[in-house]
Amino acid sequence: SKNSFKFKHVQLYKNDRLGVGTFGVVCKARCDKLECAAKLLHPQYFDVTELDVSSGASVRKFHKEYDFLKQLRSPYIIQHLGRWIDPESRLPVLLMELMNENLT
């Protein structure tokens, strides 16, 4: 399944951005009742024709990265909660723990 998380409802707040980087945008999200963060990957890193086929190279790379990240357990690393396909853009999303502290 493309949506490999245990949440029944995911809401992305795309206008509530927490940061922007080379590969994507991080915004606030809600997974069921849990406030979290979501990394939306920039569309240019995915061939849109691949998104209907789970064997596309970019989609495989995304899932491989997620499979690695979900194994990391440390109080010093943001916890990855799941992955999801945004129905609006059809692009992969990483769901992560929301860190409320500011590091600056």
N, C-alpha and C. Protein backbone atom coordinates (compact mmCIF):
# COMPACT_ATOMS: atom_id res chain seq x y z
N SER A 1 0.83 -1.19 0.00
CA SER A 1 0.00 0.00 0.00
C SER A 1 0.87 1.25 0.00
N LYS A 2 0.45 2.26 -0.74
CA LYS A 2 1.19 3.52 -0.81
C LYS A 2 1.15 4.26 0.53
N ASN A 3 0.05 4.15 1.24
CA ASN A 3 -0.11 4.83 2.53
C ASN A 3 0.21 3.82 3.64
N SER A 4 1.45 3.82 4.10
CA SER A 4 1.86 2.81 5.08
C SER A 4 1.96 3.41 6.47
N PHE A 5 0.89 3.97 6.96
CA PHE A 5 0.84 4.53 8.30
C PHE A 5 -0.40 4.00 8.97
N LYS A 6 -0.50 4.23 10.26
CA LYS A 6 -1.65 3.70 10.99
C LYS A 6 -2.68 4.77 11.32
N PHE A 7 -2.63 5.89 10.63
CA PHE A 7 -3.58 6.98 10.87
C PHE A 7 -4.77 6.84 9.93
N LYS A 8 -5.95 7.18 10.44
CA LYS A 8 -7.15 7.13 9.61
C LYS A 8 -7.32 8.39 8.78
N HIS A 9 -6.85 9.53 9.31
CA HIS A 9 -7.05 10.80 8.62
C HIS A 9 -5.78 11.64 8.69
N VAL A 10 -5.35 12.15 7.55
CA VAL A 10 -4.19 13.04 7.47
C VAL A 10 -4.64 14.35 6.85
N GLN A 11 -4.32 15.45 7.52
CA GLN A 11 -4.63 16.79 7.01
C GLN A 11 -3.33 17.56 6.90
N LEU A 12 -3.02 18.04 5.70
CA LEU A 12 -1.82 18.86 5.49
C LEU A 12 -2.21 20.32 5.54
N TYR A 13 -1.41 21.12 6.23
CA TYR A 13 -1.62 22.57 6.28
C TYR A 13 -0.50 23.21 5.46
N LYS A 14 -0.67 23.15 4.14
CA LYS A 14 0.39 23.57 3.21
C LYS A 14 0.75 25.04 3.34
N ASN A 15 -0.16 25.86 3.83
CA ASN A 15 0.13 27.30 3.99
C ASN A 15 0.82 27.59 5.32
N ASP A 16 0.94 26.61 6.18
CA ASP A 16 1.60 26.78 7.48
C ASP A 16 2.99 26.13 7.39
N ARG A 17 3.87 26.80 6.65
CA ARG A 17 5.21 26.27 6.38
C ARG A 17 6.13 26.42 7.57
N LEU A 18 6.89 25.36 7.83
CA LEU A 18 7.88 25.37 8.89
C LEU A 18 9.29 25.55 8.33
N GLY A 19 9.48 25.23 7.06
CA GLY A 19 10.78 25.37 6.43
C GLY A 19 10.74 24.96 4.98
N VAL A 20 11.74 25.41 4.24
CA VAL A 20 11.87 25.08 2.82
C VAL A 20 13.31 24.66 2.58
N GLY A 21 13.49 23.60 1.82
CA GLY A 21 14.83 23.12 1.51
C GLY A 21 14.94 22.77 0.05
N THR A 22 16.08 22.22 -0.30
CA THR A 22 16.35 21.86 -1.69
C THR A 22 15.36 20.84 -2.22
N PHE A 23 15.01 19.85 -1.41
CA PHE A 23 14.19 18.75 -1.89
C PHE A 23 12.72 18.87 -1.55
N GLY A 24 12.34 19.83 -0.71
CA GLY A 24 10.94 19.92 -0.38
C GLY A 24 10.61 21.02 0.61
N VAL A 25 9.35 21.03 1.00
CA VAL A 25 8.80 22.00 1.93
C VAL A 25 8.28 21.22 3.14
N VAL A 26 8.51 21.74 4.34
CA VAL A 26 7.97 21.12 5.54
C VAL A 26 6.86 22.03 6.06
N CYS A 27 5.70 21.45 6.26
CA CYS A 27 4.56 22.20 6.76
C CYS A 27 3.95 21.46 7.93
N LYS A 28 3.06 22.13 8.63
CA LYS A 28 2.34 21.46 9.72
C LYS A 28 1.30 20.51 9.13
N ALA A 29 0.98 19.49 9.92
CA ALA A 29 -0.01 18.50 9.51
C ALA A 29 -0.69 17.97 10.76
N ARG A 30 -1.75 17.23 10.55
CA ARG A 30 -2.43 16.54 11.64
C ARG A 30 -2.72 15.12 11.15
N CYS A 31 -2.29 14.16 11.95
CA CYS A 31 -2.55 12.75 11.68
C CYS A 31 -3.49 12.28 12.77
N ASP A 32 -4.74 12.05 12.42
CA ASP A 32 -5.80 11.84 13.39
C ASP A 32 -5.80 13.05 14.33
N LYS A 33 -5.49 12.87 15.61
CA LYS A 33 -5.49 14.01 16.54
C LYS A 33 -4.08 14.49 16.87
N LEU A 34 -3.08 13.89 16.26
CA LEU A 34 -1.68 14.20 16.55
C LEU A 34 -1.17 15.31 15.64
N GLU A 35 -0.69 16.42 16.24
CA GLU A 35 -0.03 17.45 15.44
C GLU A 35 1.33 16.92 15.03
N CYS A 36 1.68 17.11 13.77
CA CYS A 36 2.95 16.62 13.28
C CYS A 36 3.45 17.53 12.16
N ALA A 37 4.54 17.13 11.55
CA ALA A 37 5.11 17.87 10.43
C ALA A 37 5.07 16.95 9.21
N ALA A 38 4.99 17.57 8.04
CA ALA A 38 4.95 16.80 6.80
C ALA A 38 5.94 17.41 5.81
N LYS A 39 6.80 16.56 5.26
CA LYS A 39 7.74 17.01 4.23
C LYS A 39 7.15 16.65 2.88
N LEU A 40 6.80 17.68 2.13
CA LEU A 40 6.25 17.51 0.80
C LEU A 40 7.41 17.69 -0.18
N LEU A 41 7.68 16.67 -0.94
CA LEU A 41 8.80 16.71 -1.85
C LEU A 41 8.44 17.51 -3.10
N HIS A 42 9.41 18.29 -3.60
CA HIS A 42 9.17 19.11 -4.78
C HIS A 42 8.85 18.22 -5.99
N PRO A 43 7.86 18.61 -6.77
CA PRO A 43 7.42 17.78 -7.91
C PRO A 43 8.52 17.52 -8.94
N GLN A 44 9.49 18.42 -9.09
CA GLN A 44 10.49 18.23 -10.14
C GLN A 44 11.37 17.00 -9.89
N TYR A 45 11.33 16.44 -8.66
CA TYR A 45 12.12 15.25 -8.37
C TYR A 45 11.37 13.97 -8.70
N PHE A 46 10.16 14.09 -9.20
CA PHE A 46 9.37 12.93 -9.55
C PHE A 46 8.83 13.07 -10.95
N ASP A 47 8.96 12.02 -11.71
CA ASP A 47 8.37 11.96 -13.04
C ASP A 47 6.90 11.64 -12.85
N VAL A 48 6.03 12.58 -13.15
CA VAL A 48 4.59 12.41 -12.88
C VAL A 48 4.05 11.16 -13.54
N THR A 49 4.63 10.75 -14.66
CA THR A 49 4.15 9.53 -15.32
C THR A 49 4.47 8.30 -14.48
N GLU A 50 5.45 8.40 -13.55
CA GLU A 50 5.80 7.26 -12.70
C GLU A 50 4.82 7.07 -11.55
N LEU A 51 4.08 8.10 -11.17
CA LEU A 51 3.34 8.06 -9.92
C LEU A 51 2.21 7.04 -9.90
N ASP A 52 1.75 6.62 -11.06
CA ASP A 52 0.72 5.61 -11.11
C ASP A 52 1.31 4.20 -11.02
N VAL A 53 2.62 4.11 -11.11
CA VAL A 53 3.30 2.82 -11.12
C VAL A 53 4.26 2.77 -9.93
N SER A 54 4.02 1.85 -9.02
CA SER A 54 4.84 1.79 -7.81
C SER A 54 6.28 1.41 -8.11
N SER A 55 6.59 0.99 -9.32
CA SER A 55 7.95 0.60 -9.66
C SER A 55 8.77 1.75 -10.23
N GLY A 56 8.23 2.97 -10.31
CA GLY A 56 8.99 4.10 -10.83
C GLY A 56 10.24 4.34 -10.00
N ALA A 57 11.34 4.75 -10.61
CA ALA A 57 12.62 4.90 -9.93
C ALA A 57 12.55 5.91 -8.78
N SER A 58 11.92 7.05 -9.00
CA SER A 58 11.84 8.07 -7.95
C SER A 58 10.99 7.59 -6.78
N VAL A 59 9.92 6.91 -7.07
CA VAL A 59 9.04 6.39 -6.02
C VAL A 59 9.77 5.32 -5.23
N ARG A 60 10.51 4.46 -5.92
CA ARG A 60 11.29 3.42 -5.22
C ARG A 60 12.33 4.06 -4.31
N LYS A 61 13.00 5.11 -4.78
CA LYS A 61 14.02 5.80 -3.98
C LYS A 61 13.38 6.42 -2.73
N PHE A 62 12.22 7.04 -2.90
CA PHE A 62 11.51 7.63 -1.77
C PHE A 62 11.20 6.56 -0.71
N HIS A 63 10.65 5.42 -1.14
CA HIS A 63 10.28 4.36 -0.21
C HIS A 63 11.53 3.76 0.46
N LYS A 64 12.62 3.65 -0.27
CA LYS A 64 13.87 3.13 0.31
C LYS A 64 14.37 4.08 1.39
N GLU A 65 14.34 5.39 1.12
CA GLU A 65 14.76 6.37 2.12
C GLU A 65 13.87 6.28 3.35
N TYR A 66 12.57 6.20 3.16
CA TYR A 66 11.66 6.09 4.30
C TYR A 66 11.94 4.83 5.10
N ASP A 67 12.13 3.71 4.43
CA ASP A 67 12.39 2.45 5.14
C ASP A 67 13.63 2.56 6.02
N PHE A 68 14.64 3.32 5.57
CA PHE A 68 15.84 3.55 6.39
C PHE A 68 15.51 4.47 7.57
N LEU A 69 14.84 5.58 7.30
CA LEU A 69 14.57 6.58 8.34
C LEU A 69 13.68 6.03 9.45
N LYS A 70 12.72 5.18 9.12
CA LYS A 70 11.80 4.68 10.14
C LYS A 70 12.49 3.76 11.14
N GLN A 71 13.67 3.25 10.79
CA GLN A 71 14.41 2.38 11.70
C GLN A 71 15.22 3.15 12.74
N LEU A 72 15.46 4.43 12.51
CA LEU A 72 16.27 5.24 13.41
C LEU A 72 15.48 5.57 14.67
N ARG A 73 16.05 5.29 15.80
CA ARG A 73 15.40 5.59 17.08
C ARG A 73 16.41 6.28 17.98
N SER A 74 16.20 7.56 18.23
CA SER A 74 17.09 8.33 19.11
C SER A 74 16.35 9.57 19.57
N PRO A 75 16.58 9.99 20.81
CA PRO A 75 15.96 11.25 21.27
C PRO A 75 16.52 12.47 20.53
N TYR A 76 17.59 12.28 19.76
CA TYR A 76 18.23 13.38 19.05
C TYR A 76 17.85 13.44 17.58
N ILE A 77 16.98 12.54 17.14
CA ILE A 77 16.56 12.50 15.73
C ILE A 77 15.04 12.60 15.69
N ILE A 78 14.53 13.46 14.81
CA ILE A 78 13.08 13.57 14.62
C ILE A 78 12.53 12.21 14.21
N GLN A 79 11.46 11.78 14.86
CA GLN A 79 10.85 10.48 14.59
C GLN A 79 9.99 10.54 13.33
N HIS A 80 10.19 9.62 12.42
CA HIS A 80 9.37 9.53 11.22
C HIS A 80 8.16 8.67 11.55
N LEU A 81 6.96 9.19 11.28
CA LEU A 81 5.71 8.55 11.67
C LEU A 81 5.10 7.71 10.56
N GLY A 82 5.40 8.06 9.33
CA GLY A 82 4.81 7.32 8.23
C GLY A 82 5.03 8.02 6.92
N ARG A 83 4.52 7.41 5.89
CA ARG A 83 4.56 8.01 4.56
C ARG A 83 3.14 8.00 4.02
N TRP A 84 2.91 8.88 3.09
CA TRP A 84 1.55 9.08 2.61
C TRP A 84 1.63 9.63 1.20
N ILE A 85 0.64 9.39 0.39
CA ILE A 85 0.55 10.00 -0.94
C ILE A 85 -0.51 11.09 -0.86
N ASP A 86 -0.09 12.33 -1.13
CA ASP A 86 -1.01 13.47 -1.11
C ASP A 86 -1.98 13.30 -2.27
N PRO A 87 -3.28 13.19 -1.99
CA PRO A 87 -4.25 12.99 -3.07
C PRO A 87 -4.35 14.18 -4.02
N GLU A 88 -4.00 15.37 -3.54
CA GLU A 88 -4.07 16.57 -4.38
C GLU A 88 -2.95 16.59 -5.42
N SER A 89 -1.70 16.36 -4.99
CA SER A 89 -0.56 16.43 -5.91
C SER A 89 -0.13 15.05 -6.41
N ARG A 90 -0.59 13.99 -5.72
CA ARG A 90 -0.20 12.61 -6.00
C ARG A 90 1.28 12.37 -5.73
N LEU A 91 1.91 13.23 -4.91
CA LEU A 91 3.32 13.09 -4.58
C LEU A 91 3.50 12.51 -3.18
N PRO A 92 4.63 11.83 -2.95
CA PRO A 92 4.90 11.26 -1.63
C PRO A 92 5.12 12.33 -0.57
N VAL A 93 4.72 12.03 0.64
CA VAL A 93 4.86 12.92 1.79
C VAL A 93 5.46 12.11 2.94
N LEU A 94 6.47 12.67 3.62
CA LEU A 94 7.00 12.07 4.84
C LEU A 94 6.29 12.71 6.02
N LEU A 95 5.73 11.90 6.90
CA LEU A 95 5.07 12.39 8.12
C LEU A 95 6.06 12.23 9.27
N MET A 96 6.28 13.32 10.01
CA MET A 96 7.31 13.33 11.04
C MET A 96 6.79 13.96 12.32
N GLU A 97 7.47 13.63 13.40
CA GLU A 97 7.22 14.25 14.68
C GLU A 97 7.39 15.77 14.54
N LEU A 98 6.54 16.53 15.22
CA LEU A 98 6.64 17.99 15.20
C LEU A 98 7.50 18.44 16.36
N MET A 99 8.56 19.15 16.05
CA MET A 99 9.45 19.67 17.09
C MET A 99 9.03 21.09 17.38
N ASN A 100 8.58 21.34 18.59
CA ASN A 100 8.06 22.65 18.94
C ASN A 100 9.13 23.64 19.39
N GLU A 101 10.35 23.17 19.63
CA GLU A 101 11.42 24.06 20.06
C GLU A 101 12.08 24.71 18.86
N ASN A 102 12.56 25.93 19.07
CA ASN A 102 13.30 26.64 18.03
C ASN A 102 14.79 26.48 18.33
N LEU A 103 15.57 26.05 17.35
CA LEU A 103 17.00 25.81 17.57
C LEU A 103 17.87 27.03 17.39
N THR A 104 17.28 28.13 16.96
CA THR A 104 18.09 29.34 16.73
C THR A 104 18.13 30.22 17.95
